[in-house]
Amino acid sequence: MLNFATCSRALLTRSDPNHWQVKIASLVYDPATGESTTVYKPSKIQKRKHQINSLAYAAAERELELMEKKGSSLKTKSQTQAKYGW
């Protein structure tokens, strides 16, 4: 079971760079204890075997990175007008 975290442009305007973390929960069965545990980051083996939770985590991280890059490249209307001397 995967739970996807959503992000919006309003959330990406915060100034704290360490605030952004991707949280995608997945249930992992532990054969030693016989219980399922909830994990938020994929393990090294899950990444190597391209399991769906690791792919979803990578996609969500990439999406946040792209939205942050796009948000920082956008200029305000007054900055654009100042560039052209209007």
C-alpha atoms as a PDB file:
ATOM      1  CA  MET A   1       0.000   0.000   0.000  1.00  0.00           C
ATOM      2  CA  LEU A   2       1.434   3.360  -1.027  1.00  0.00           C
ATOM      3  CA  ASN A   3       0.350   6.751   0.265  1.00  0.00           C
ATOM      4  CA  PHE A   4       1.362   9.647  -1.963  1.00  0.00           C
ATOM      5  CA  ALA A   5       2.100  13.055  -0.541  1.00  0.00           C
ATOM      6  CA  THR A   6       0.838  15.971  -2.564  1.00  0.00           C
ATOM      7  CA  CYS A   7       2.591  19.258  -2.931  1.00  0.00           C
ATOM      8  CA  SER A   8       1.331  22.580  -4.136  1.00  0.00           C
ATOM      9  CA  ARG A   9       2.946  25.785  -5.258  1.00  0.00           C
ATOM     10  CA  ALA A  10       1.846  27.519  -2.054  1.00  0.00           C
ATOM     11  CA  LEU A  11       3.774  24.973  -0.014  1.00  0.00           C
ATOM     12  CA  LEU A  12       6.908  25.494  -2.087  1.00  0.00           C
ATOM     13  CA  THR A  13       7.189  29.182  -1.259  1.00  0.00           C
ATOM     14  CA  ARG A  14       8.536  28.536   2.229  1.00  0.00           C
ATOM     15  CA  SER A  15      12.053  29.765   2.871  1.00  0.00           C
ATOM     16  CA  ASP A  16      13.417  26.818   4.871  1.00  0.00           C
ATOM     17  CA  PRO A  17      15.298  24.550   2.417  1.00  0.00           C
ATOM     18  CA  ASN A  18      15.444  21.654   4.903  1.00  0.00           C
ATOM     19  CA  HIS A  19      11.664  21.684   5.289  1.00  0.00           C
ATOM     20  CA  TRP A  20      10.993  19.793   2.056  1.00  0.00           C
ATOM     21  CA  GLN A  21      10.947  16.089   2.558  1.00  0.00           C
ATOM     22  CA  VAL A  22       9.185  13.463   0.556  1.00  0.00           C
ATOM     23  CA  LYS A  23       7.060  11.114   2.610  1.00  0.00           C
ATOM     24  CA  ILE A  24       5.681   8.086   0.821  1.00  0.00           C
ATOM     25  CA  ALA A  25       4.614   5.384   3.248  1.00  0.00           C
ATOM     26  CA  SER A  26       4.866   1.727   2.377  1.00  0.00           C
ATOM     27  CA  LEU A  27       4.280  -1.393   4.430  1.00  0.00           C
ATOM     28  CA  VAL A  28       7.265  -3.733   4.703  1.00  0.00           C
ATOM     29  CA  TYR A  29       6.998  -7.239   6.120  1.00  0.00           C
ATOM     30  CA  ASP A  30       9.700  -8.268   8.590  1.00  0.00           C
ATOM     31  CA  PRO A  31      10.027 -12.088   8.577  1.00  0.00           C
ATOM     32  CA  ALA A  32      12.042 -12.092  11.812  1.00  0.00           C
ATOM     33  CA  THR A  33       9.232 -10.551  13.864  1.00  0.00           C
ATOM     34  CA  GLY A  34       6.314 -11.503  11.629  1.00  0.00           C
ATOM     35  CA  GLU A  35       4.981  -7.941  11.617  1.00  0.00           C
ATOM     36  CA  SER A  36       4.503  -5.272   8.983  1.00  0.00           C
ATOM     37  CA  THR A  37       6.141  -1.917   9.575  1.00  0.00           C
ATOM     38  CA  THR A  38       5.614   1.417   7.871  1.00  0.00           C
ATOM     39  CA  VAL A  39       8.683   2.837   6.159  1.00  0.00           C
ATOM     40  CA  TYR A  40       9.029   6.281   4.571  1.00  0.00           C
ATOM     41  CA  LYS A  41      12.332   5.947   2.705  1.00  0.00           C
ATOM     42  CA  PRO A  42      13.162   3.054   0.384  1.00  0.00           C
ATOM     43  CA  SER A  43      16.062   0.808   1.335  1.00  0.00           C
ATOM     44  CA  LYS A  44      19.135   0.157  -0.782  1.00  0.00           C
ATOM     45  CA  ILE A  45      17.744  -3.204  -1.923  1.00  0.00           C
ATOM     46  CA  GLN A  46      14.391  -1.671  -2.862  1.00  0.00           C
ATOM     47  CA  LYS A  47      16.187   0.928  -4.978  1.00  0.00           C
ATOM     48  CA  ARG A  48      18.367  -1.692  -6.631  1.00  0.00           C
ATOM     49  CA  LYS A  49      15.395  -3.892  -7.496  1.00  0.00           C
ATOM     50  CA  HIS A  50      13.326  -0.883  -8.696  1.00  0.00           C
ATOM     51  CA  GLN A  51      10.400  -1.633  -6.428  1.00  0.00           C
ATOM     52  CA  ILE A  52       7.364   0.597  -6.869  1.00  0.00           C
ATOM     53  CA  ASN A  53       7.797   2.457  -3.566  1.00  0.00           C
ATOM     54  CA  SER A  54      11.374   3.431  -4.460  1.00  0.00           C
ATOM     55  CA  LEU A  55      10.270   4.612  -7.905  1.00  0.00           C
ATOM     56  CA  ALA A  56       7.414   6.636  -6.397  1.00  0.00           C
ATOM     57  CA  TYR A  57       9.813   8.165  -3.864  1.00  0.00           C
ATOM     58  CA  ALA A  58      12.286   9.120  -6.610  1.00  0.00           C
ATOM     59  CA  ALA A  59       9.512  10.615  -8.758  1.00  0.00           C
ATOM     60  CA  ALA A  60       8.170  12.688  -5.852  1.00  0.00           C
ATOM     61  CA  GLU A  61      11.686  13.928  -5.007  1.00  0.00           C
ATOM     62  CA  ARG A  62      12.266  14.885  -8.634  1.00  0.00           C
ATOM     63  CA  GLU A  63       8.907  16.673  -8.776  1.00  0.00           C
ATOM     64  CA  LEU A  64       9.772  18.744  -5.701  1.00  0.00           C
ATOM     65  CA  GLU A  65      13.170  19.558  -7.159  1.00  0.00           C
ATOM     66  CA  LEU A  66      11.673  20.694 -10.470  1.00  0.00           C
ATOM     67  CA  MET A  67       8.966  22.785  -8.787  1.00  0.00           C
ATOM     68  CA  GLU A  68      11.568  24.449  -6.584  1.00  0.00           C
ATOM     69  CA  LYS A  69      13.763  25.205  -9.590  1.00  0.00           C
ATOM     70  CA  LYS A  70      10.813  26.598 -11.540  1.00  0.00           C
ATOM     71  CA  GLY A  71       9.682  28.730  -8.598  1.00  0.00           C
ATOM     72  CA  SER A  72      13.094  30.292  -8.174  1.00  0.00           C
ATOM     73  CA  SER A  73      13.402  31.125 -11.880  1.00  0.00           C
ATOM     74  CA  LEU A  74      10.094  32.998 -12.102  1.00  0.00           C
ATOM     75  CA  LYS A  75      10.386  36.760 -11.790  1.00  0.00           C
ATOM     76  CA  THR A  76       7.835  39.173 -10.503  1.00  0.00           C
ATOM     77  CA  LYS A  77       6.049  41.560 -12.809  1.00  0.00           C
ATOM     78  CA  SER A  78       8.011  44.539 -11.446  1.00  0.00           C
ATOM     79  CA  GLN A  79      11.346  42.758 -12.004  1.00  0.00           C
ATOM     80  CA  THR A  80      10.435  42.039 -15.612  1.00  0.00           C
ATOM     81  CA  GLN A  81       9.304  45.628 -16.205  1.00  0.00           C
ATOM     82  CA  ALA A  82      12.514  46.951 -14.657  1.00  0.00           C
ATOM     83  CA  LYS A  83      14.516  44.790 -17.035  1.00  0.00           C
ATOM     84  CA  TYR A  84      12.956  46.451 -20.068  1.00  0.00           C
ATOM     85  CA  GLY A  85      12.724  49.940 -18.513  1.00  0.00           C
ATOM     86  CA  TRP A  86       8.934  50.203 -18.609  1.00  0.00           C
END
